[in-house]
């Protein structure tokens, strides 16, 4: 049933949907192995959280507007 879709993606993938499938599968394999080691996974989680910065969508939008569009804020009543 899905053979036409598979053939189209494998034989003529003009939009390169599967261009990184091999590296994606390899990365998922590494993630699976890391997750299986609970202690190492916990260390990675703690390092990731400790290394993250505060995220604010408002700040991101403001910075994008200033740095990319070079616009000033427009107050909303």
Foldseek 3Di string as FASTA:
>chain_A
DCVVVVCCCVPPVVVPPPVCVVVVVVVVVVVVVCVVPVVSVVVVVVVVVVPDDDDDVVVVVCCCCCVPVVDDDDDDD
